Amino acid sequence: MKRILIIEDEIPIAELERDYFELHGFTAELAHDGEEGMAKALAGGYDLIILDLNLPGADGLEVCRNIRAQLDVPILIVSARDEEIDKIRGFGLGADDFVTKPFSPNELIARAKAHLSRYERFASRTAEPEQLHIRELTIDKASRRVYVHGDEVVLTAREFDVLVFMAAHPNRVFSKTELFERLWGFDSAGDIATVAVHIRRVREKIEAVPSNPQFIETVWGAGYRFTV
């Protein structure tokens, strides 16, 4: 049975989310402020985190940053803050999805299941002791580690997935829509900006000159291409 942690200060909303998850066979626990939620999450044992942004104690973005730095679990932000900048910042800090309040509980469950399935799918693939070597870049799928000139660079789980997918399909152009559908698992209007955010963050970590990338190139008007 999957364990869900819901970090939400509005008790009626938190209890609604908990009830729906439990109806669908999950075990759901609640935390009502940022510090409590962060402590519970970092104690481990959860398969997915539901996170509000407007939290007492610690801001939701700070909570997201700290959880993602230590845990490789899906993080779904559920917030009334619907500005594009909030979504971009959330994705940039490692969130996997952004659901705007008011929301459909059934849609939230569907998104959670999709992310859990994607994480399990990628985790099962890491059992293969396979490495990709592209010039000075080494990608170790089994350990989910990346090296540039022999030095390890640290990527978030989603950044690693983006890099592995692109490197596994060299010289092929993927549009933002294609990448979103392949890596996020479903189409969600307005959230496609996360693709560019993750590509930029990967470049900052693997490219000698991120503004002049040699691995993940921008094909203007078409998308992105991994060059070998």
Protein backbone atom coordinates (compact mmCIF):
# COMPACT_ATOMS: atom_id res chain seq x y z
CA MET A 1 0.00 0.00 0.00
CA LYS A 2 1.45 3.37 -1.05
CA ARG A 3 1.99 6.01 1.64
CA ILE A 4 1.12 9.62 0.85
CA LEU A 5 2.14 12.65 2.90
CA ILE A 6 -0.19 15.66 2.54
CA ILE A 7 1.36 18.95 3.69
CA GLU A 8 -1.59 21.36 3.78
CA ASP A 9 -2.54 23.96 6.42
CA GLU A 10 -6.22 24.20 5.41
CA ILE A 11 -7.64 21.31 7.41
CA PRO A 12 -10.84 20.78 5.33
CA ILE A 13 -8.77 20.54 2.14
CA ALA A 14 -6.19 18.27 3.78
CA GLU A 15 -8.90 15.95 5.05
CA LEU A 16 -10.65 15.91 1.68
CA GLU A 17 -7.40 14.91 -0.05
CA ARG A 18 -6.74 12.26 2.61
CA ASP A 19 -10.23 10.79 2.25
CA TYR A 20 -9.97 10.53 -1.54
CA PHE A 21 -6.53 8.90 -1.40
CA GLU A 22 -7.75 6.39 1.18
CA LEU A 23 -10.80 5.61 -0.97
CA HIS A 24 -8.37 4.69 -3.74
CA GLY A 25 -6.33 2.34 -1.59
CA PHE A 26 -3.56 4.64 -0.32
CA THR A 27 -2.45 5.36 3.22
CA ALA A 28 -2.44 9.14 3.72
CA GLU A 29 -0.94 11.16 6.58
CA LEU A 30 -1.28 14.88 7.27
CA ALA A 31 1.02 17.73 8.27
CA HIS A 32 -0.37 21.22 8.74
CA ASP A 33 2.72 23.45 8.58
CA GLY A 34 5.93 23.57 6.60
CA GLU A 35 8.34 22.56 9.35
CA GLU A 36 6.23 19.60 10.46
CA GLY A 37 5.76 18.48 6.87
CA MET A 38 9.46 18.76 6.06
CA ALA A 39 10.42 16.78 9.17
CA LYS A 40 7.93 14.02 8.37
CA ALA A 41 8.96 13.85 4.71
CA LEU A 42 12.68 13.67 5.48
CA ALA A 43 12.08 10.93 8.03
CA GLY A 44 11.31 8.83 4.94
CA GLY A 45 8.89 6.09 4.10
CA TYR A 46 6.53 8.07 1.84
CA ASP A 47 5.94 7.22 -1.79
CA LEU A 48 4.54 10.63 -2.80
CA ILE A 49 4.26 14.14 -1.32
CA ILE A 50 1.29 16.52 -1.78
CA LEU A 51 2.52 20.02 -0.98
CA ASP A 52 0.78 23.38 -0.55
CA LEU A 53 2.81 26.57 -1.06
CA ASN A 54 1.20 28.95 1.46
CA LEU A 55 2.25 27.23 4.66
CA PRO A 56 2.96 28.53 8.17
CA GLY A 57 6.38 27.74 9.61
CA ALA A 58 8.22 27.26 6.31
CA ASP A 59 7.21 28.31 2.81
CA GLY A 60 6.19 25.51 0.48
CA LEU A 61 8.95 26.31 -2.00
CA GLU A 62 11.55 26.00 0.76
CA VAL A 63 9.99 22.70 1.79
CA CYS A 64 10.10 21.48 -1.82
CA ARG A 65 13.76 22.44 -2.16
CA ASN A 66 14.78 20.59 0.99
CA ILE A 67 12.77 17.47 0.24
CA ARG A 68 14.06 17.22 -3.33
CA ALA A 69 17.67 17.65 -2.18
CA GLN A 70 17.39 14.46 -0.12
CA LEU A 71 14.55 12.34 -1.50
CA ASP A 72 13.69 10.83 -4.86
CA VAL A 73 9.89 10.75 -4.60
CA PRO A 74 7.17 12.48 -6.64
CA ILE A 75 6.25 15.94 -5.30
CA LEU A 76 2.89 17.37 -6.40
CA ILE A 77 2.26 21.01 -5.54
CA VAL A 78 -1.41 21.83 -4.89
CA SER A 79 -1.83 25.57 -4.45
CA ALA A 80 -4.10 28.55 -4.99
CA ARG A 81 -1.07 30.44 -6.30
CA ASP A 82 -1.58 30.13 -10.04
CA GLU A 83 0.92 32.63 -11.45
CA GLU A 84 3.26 31.19 -14.07
CA ILE A 85 6.28 32.28 -12.02
CA ASP A 86 5.10 30.10 -9.11
CA LYS A 87 4.86 27.10 -11.42
CA ILE A 88 8.28 27.75 -12.94
CA ARG A 89 9.87 28.16 -9.50
CA GLY A 90 8.17 24.99 -8.26
CA PHE A 91 9.34 22.94 -11.22
CA GLY A 92 12.80 24.47 -10.96
CA LEU A 93 13.03 23.32 -7.33
CA GLY A 94 12.15 19.76 -8.28
CA ALA A 95 8.36 19.52 -8.15
CA ASP A 96 6.87 16.97 -10.55
CA ASP A 97 3.49 18.61 -11.04
CA PHE A 98 1.46 21.70 -10.15
CA VAL A 99 -2.29 21.51 -9.50
CA THR A 100 -4.20 24.75 -9.02
CA LYS A 101 -6.93 25.14 -6.39
CA PRO A 102 -9.83 24.63 -6.67
CA PHE A 103 -9.11 21.19 -8.10
CA SER A 104 -10.88 17.98 -8.97
CA PRO A 105 -10.01 15.30 -6.37
CA ASN A 106 -10.30 12.62 -9.03
CA GLU A 107 -7.84 14.47 -11.26
CA LEU A 108 -5.42 14.77 -8.33
CA ILE A 109 -5.63 11.01 -7.76
CA ALA A 110 -5.07 10.36 -11.48
CA ARG A 111 -2.02 12.60 -11.55
CA ALA A 112 -0.60 10.99 -8.42
CA LYS A 113 -1.02 7.51 -9.88
CA ALA A 114 0.63 8.59 -13.14
CA HIS A 115 3.68 9.98 -11.32
CA LEU A 116 3.98 6.93 -9.08
CA SER A 117 3.83 4.71 -12.17
CA ARG A 118 6.50 6.76 -13.94
CA TYR A 119 8.84 6.67 -10.94
CA GLU A 120 8.41 2.90 -10.63
CA ARG A 121 9.03 2.46 -14.35
CA PHE A 122 12.28 4.42 -14.26
CA ALA A 123 13.37 2.73 -11.02
CA SER A 124 12.95 -0.70 -12.59
CA ARG A 125 15.15 0.30 -15.50
CA THR A 126 18.01 1.33 -13.21
CA ALA A 127 18.60 -2.35 -12.36
CA GLU A 128 20.41 -2.63 -15.68
CA PRO A 129 24.16 -1.96 -15.24
CA GLU A 130 24.24 0.23 -18.30
CA GLN A 131 26.36 3.30 -18.89
CA LEU A 132 26.25 5.90 -21.65
CA HIS A 133 29.54 7.53 -22.66
CA ILE A 134 29.27 10.63 -24.84
CA ARG A 135 32.58 12.49 -25.14
CA GLU A 136 33.38 13.80 -21.64
CA LEU A 137 29.92 12.87 -20.32
CA THR A 138 29.19 9.57 -18.54
CA ILE A 139 25.68 8.57 -17.50
CA ASP A 140 25.42 5.58 -15.16
CA LYS A 141 21.84 4.36 -15.31
CA ALA A 142 22.26 1.75 -12.58
CA SER A 143 23.45 4.23 -9.94
CA ARG A 144 21.64 7.23 -11.48
CA ARG A 145 24.87 9.20 -11.44
CA VAL A 146 26.32 11.59 -14.00
CA TYR A 147 29.97 12.51 -14.53
CA VAL A 148 31.62 15.23 -16.59
CA HIS A 149 35.37 14.76 -17.13
CA GLY A 150 35.21 12.18 -14.35
CA ASP A 151 33.71 14.58 -11.81
CA GLU A 152 30.24 13.79 -10.53
CA VAL A 153 27.49 16.34 -11.07
CA VAL A 154 24.29 16.04 -9.03
CA LEU A 155 20.96 16.03 -10.88
CA THR A 156 17.47 15.82 -9.45
CA ALA A 157 15.43 12.75 -10.33
CA ARG A 158 13.53 14.58 -13.07
CA GLU A 159 16.69 16.20 -14.47
CA PHE A 160 18.28 12.76 -14.67
CA ASP A 161 15.23 11.36 -16.47
CA VAL A 162 15.33 14.20 -19.00
CA LEU A 163 19.06 13.68 -19.65
CA VAL A 164 18.77 9.90 -19.99
CA PHE A 165 15.82 10.16 -22.36
CA MET A 166 17.56 12.70 -24.59
CA ALA A 167 20.86 10.80 -24.57
CA ALA A 168 19.07 7.55 -25.41
CA HIS A 169 17.62 9.18 -28.55
CA PRO A 170 20.63 10.99 -30.07
CA ASN A 171 20.27 13.40 -32.98
CA ARG A 172 16.48 13.27 -32.85
CA VAL A 173 14.52 16.48 -32.36
CA PHE A 174 11.82 16.45 -29.68
CA SER A 175 9.33 19.27 -29.25
CA LYS A 176 8.50 20.55 -25.78
CA THR A 177 5.10 18.88 -26.08
CA GLU A 178 6.65 15.51 -26.95
CA LEU A 179 9.10 15.70 -24.06
CA PHE A 180 6.36 16.68 -21.64
CA GLU A 181 4.12 13.82 -22.75
CA ARG A 182 6.95 11.26 -22.70
CA LEU A 183 8.50 12.24 -19.36
CA TRP A 184 5.57 13.65 -17.40
CA GLY A 185 3.15 11.04 -18.66
CA PHE A 186 0.18 13.20 -19.61
CA ASP A 187 -0.64 16.50 -21.24
CA SER A 188 -1.47 19.46 -19.00
CA ALA A 189 -2.04 22.85 -20.63
CA GLY A 190 0.04 25.62 -19.13
CA ASP A 191 2.63 23.38 -17.45
CA ILE A 192 4.73 22.76 -20.54
CA ALA A 193 7.07 25.57 -19.46
CA THR A 194 8.66 23.06 -17.08
CA VAL A 195 10.41 21.41 -20.04
CA ALA A 196 12.49 24.50 -20.77
CA VAL A 197 13.22 24.92 -17.05
CA HIS A 198 14.58 21.39 -16.75
CA ILE A 199 16.59 21.60 -19.99
CA ARG A 200 18.21 24.81 -18.71
CA ARG A 201 19.07 23.23 -15.36
CA VAL A 202 20.59 20.15 -17.02
CA ARG A 203 22.68 22.35 -19.27
CA GLU A 204 23.95 24.33 -16.29
CA LYS A 205 25.25 21.10 -14.81
CA ILE A 206 26.72 19.24 -17.80
CA GLU A 207 27.71 21.92 -20.34
CA ALA A 208 31.05 23.73 -20.22
CA VAL A 209 29.30 26.82 -21.59
CA PRO A 210 25.52 26.50 -20.96
CA SER A 211 24.76 29.40 -23.30
CA ASN A 212 26.53 27.49 -26.10
CA PRO A 213 25.48 23.89 -25.42
CA GLN A 214 27.32 21.01 -27.05
CA PHE A 215 25.06 18.21 -25.83
CA ILE A 216 21.45 19.42 -25.67
CA GLU A 217 20.97 21.85 -28.53
CA THR A 218 17.97 24.07 -29.20
CA VAL A 219 16.48 23.61 -32.65
CA TRP A 220 14.67 26.91 -33.04
CA GLY A 221 11.00 26.51 -33.78
CA ALA A 222 11.16 22.73 -33.33
CA GLY A 223 12.48 21.73 -29.91
CA TYR A 224 15.63 20.11 -28.55
CA ARG A 225 18.20 17.62 -29.88
CA PHE A 226 20.90 15.62 -28.08
CA THR A 227 24.07 15.68 -30.18
CA VAL A 228 26.69 12.95 -29.98
